[in-house]
Amino acid sequence: QVQLVESGGGLVQAGGSLRLSCAASGSIFSIDVMGWYRQAPGKQRELVAAITTGGSATYTDSVKGRFTISRDNFKNAVFLQMNSLKPEDTAVYYCNLHRPEPWRYDYWGQGTQVTVSS
């Protein structure tokens, strides 16, 4: 079992910055991919960024150049530095741990609200 606890959400003005943190506990495997998803009202949950244990990262196009994902493998933590925030970044952000084949399972945090005012 894996537990994920997020922190760092809040209210910020457009152009501002926030840093999200996610602490994972339980059995973490080296093949696990950690990442962040977000869900805005009335929209589907979407991948924001993900990172492997080796540090290989991927981003959705809308956040490239503004968001940076990082990971501390010793502390089993993942972070999302969000700069130049826009109102359209407003959403609930969820920490995710994806365990690939043969398990193929996703763990989720409880979510943290990010609100960007114009």
Protein backbone atom coordinates (compact mmCIF):
# COMPACT_ATOMS: atom_id res chain seq x y z
CA GLN A 1 0.00 0.00 0.00
CA VAL A 2 1.06 3.56 -0.74
CA GLN A 3 -0.20 6.77 0.83
CA LEU A 4 0.26 10.17 -0.80
CA VAL A 5 -0.13 13.45 1.05
CA GLU A 6 -0.04 16.76 -0.83
CA SER A 7 0.61 20.23 0.49
CA GLY A 8 1.30 23.69 -0.85
CA GLY A 9 -1.85 24.71 -2.67
CA GLY A 10 -3.51 28.06 -2.19
CA LEU A 11 -4.62 31.33 -3.75
CA VAL A 12 -2.21 33.36 -5.85
CA GLN A 13 -2.48 36.20 -8.32
CA ALA A 14 -1.77 35.69 -11.99
CA GLY A 15 1.95 35.73 -12.63
CA GLY A 16 2.72 34.41 -9.18
CA SER A 17 4.28 31.14 -8.05
CA LEU A 18 3.39 28.16 -5.90
CA ARG A 19 5.25 25.01 -4.95
CA LEU A 20 3.37 21.78 -4.41
CA SER A 21 4.82 18.93 -2.39
CA CYS A 22 3.79 15.31 -2.13
CA ALA A 23 5.12 12.85 0.41
CA ALA A 24 4.75 9.16 -0.31
CA SER A 25 4.80 6.47 2.35
CA GLY A 26 4.58 2.71 2.13
CA SER A 27 6.22 0.41 -0.39
CA ILE A 28 7.76 2.55 -3.11
CA PHE A 29 9.38 0.75 -6.02
CA SER A 30 12.19 2.12 -8.17
CA ILE A 31 10.03 1.67 -11.27
CA ASP A 32 7.23 3.85 -9.88
CA VAL A 33 6.51 7.02 -11.81
CA MET A 34 5.37 9.97 -9.73
CA GLY A 35 3.47 12.90 -11.07
CA TRP A 36 0.82 15.54 -10.79
CA TYR A 37 -2.62 15.66 -12.35
CA ARG A 38 -5.19 18.41 -12.17
CA GLN A 39 -8.92 18.68 -12.55
CA ALA A 40 -10.76 21.92 -13.15
CA PRO A 41 -14.53 22.22 -12.60
CA GLY A 42 -16.42 20.56 -15.42
CA LYS A 43 -13.28 19.14 -17.00
CA GLN A 44 -11.57 15.79 -17.05
CA ARG A 45 -8.54 15.09 -14.92
CA GLU A 46 -5.38 15.70 -16.93
CA LEU A 47 -1.72 14.90 -16.52
CA VAL A 48 0.36 17.97 -15.70
CA ALA A 49 3.80 16.45 -15.26
CA ALA A 50 5.43 13.15 -14.36
CA ILE A 51 8.93 12.02 -13.44
CA THR A 52 10.73 8.71 -13.19
CA THR A 53 13.16 7.64 -10.49
CA GLY A 54 15.97 8.46 -12.92
CA GLY A 55 14.72 12.02 -13.35
CA SER A 56 13.17 11.76 -16.79
CA ALA A 57 10.28 14.22 -16.85
CA THR A 58 7.34 14.89 -19.11
CA TYR A 59 4.98 17.87 -19.17
CA THR A 60 1.71 18.73 -20.76
CA ASP A 61 2.20 21.42 -23.40
CA SER A 62 0.31 24.14 -21.55
CA VAL A 63 2.78 24.16 -18.62
CA LYS A 64 6.08 23.70 -20.45
CA GLY A 65 8.52 26.44 -19.53
CA ARG A 66 6.47 27.47 -16.49
CA PHE A 67 6.27 24.36 -14.29
CA THR A 68 9.11 22.16 -13.08
CA ILE A 69 8.68 18.74 -11.54
CA SER A 70 11.34 17.25 -9.29
CA ARG A 71 11.72 14.20 -7.14
CA ASP A 72 13.61 13.22 -4.01
CA ASN A 73 14.01 9.46 -4.14
CA PHE A 74 15.46 9.22 -0.64
CA LYS A 75 12.50 11.01 0.88
CA ASN A 76 9.96 9.48 -1.53
CA ALA A 77 8.71 12.92 -2.39
CA VAL A 78 7.75 14.77 -5.55
CA PHE A 79 7.47 18.50 -6.05
CA LEU A 80 5.88 20.81 -8.59
CA GLN A 81 7.24 24.32 -8.88
CA MET A 82 4.67 26.44 -10.66
CA ASN A 83 5.74 29.84 -12.00
CA SER A 84 3.97 32.43 -14.14
CA LEU A 85 0.64 31.04 -13.03
CA LYS A 86 -2.43 31.78 -15.12
CA PRO A 87 -6.13 31.73 -14.20
CA GLU A 88 -6.53 28.67 -16.41
CA ASP A 89 -4.18 26.79 -14.06
CA THR A 90 -6.91 26.92 -11.42
CA ALA A 91 -7.79 23.35 -10.46
CA VAL A 92 -7.50 20.69 -7.82
CA TYR A 93 -4.03 19.18 -8.15
CA TYR A 94 -3.56 15.51 -7.35
CA CYS A 95 -0.35 13.69 -6.62
CA ASN A 96 -0.11 10.38 -8.45
CA LEU A 97 2.10 7.33 -8.18
CA HIS A 98 1.88 5.04 -11.20
CA ARG A 99 3.14 1.48 -10.85
CA PRO A 100 3.73 -0.03 -14.29
CA GLU A 101 3.34 -3.61 -15.47
CA PRO A 102 2.91 -6.20 -14.12
CA TRP A 103 1.06 -4.36 -11.36
CA ARG A 104 -0.38 -1.51 -13.45
CA TYR A 105 -1.89 0.42 -10.56
CA ASP A 106 -2.35 4.08 -9.66
CA TYR A 107 -2.28 5.63 -6.21
CA TRP A 108 -3.75 9.10 -5.60
CA GLY A 109 -3.46 11.80 -3.02
CA GLN A 110 -6.47 13.66 -1.65
CA GLY A 111 -5.86 16.72 -3.82
CA THR A 112 -4.94 20.31 -3.09
CA GLN A 113 -6.71 23.36 -4.47
CA VAL A 114 -4.79 25.88 -6.56
CA THR A 115 -6.64 29.08 -7.39
CA VAL A 116 -5.13 31.74 -9.63
CA SER A 117 -6.91 35.08 -9.65
CA SER A 118 -6.76 37.47 -12.60
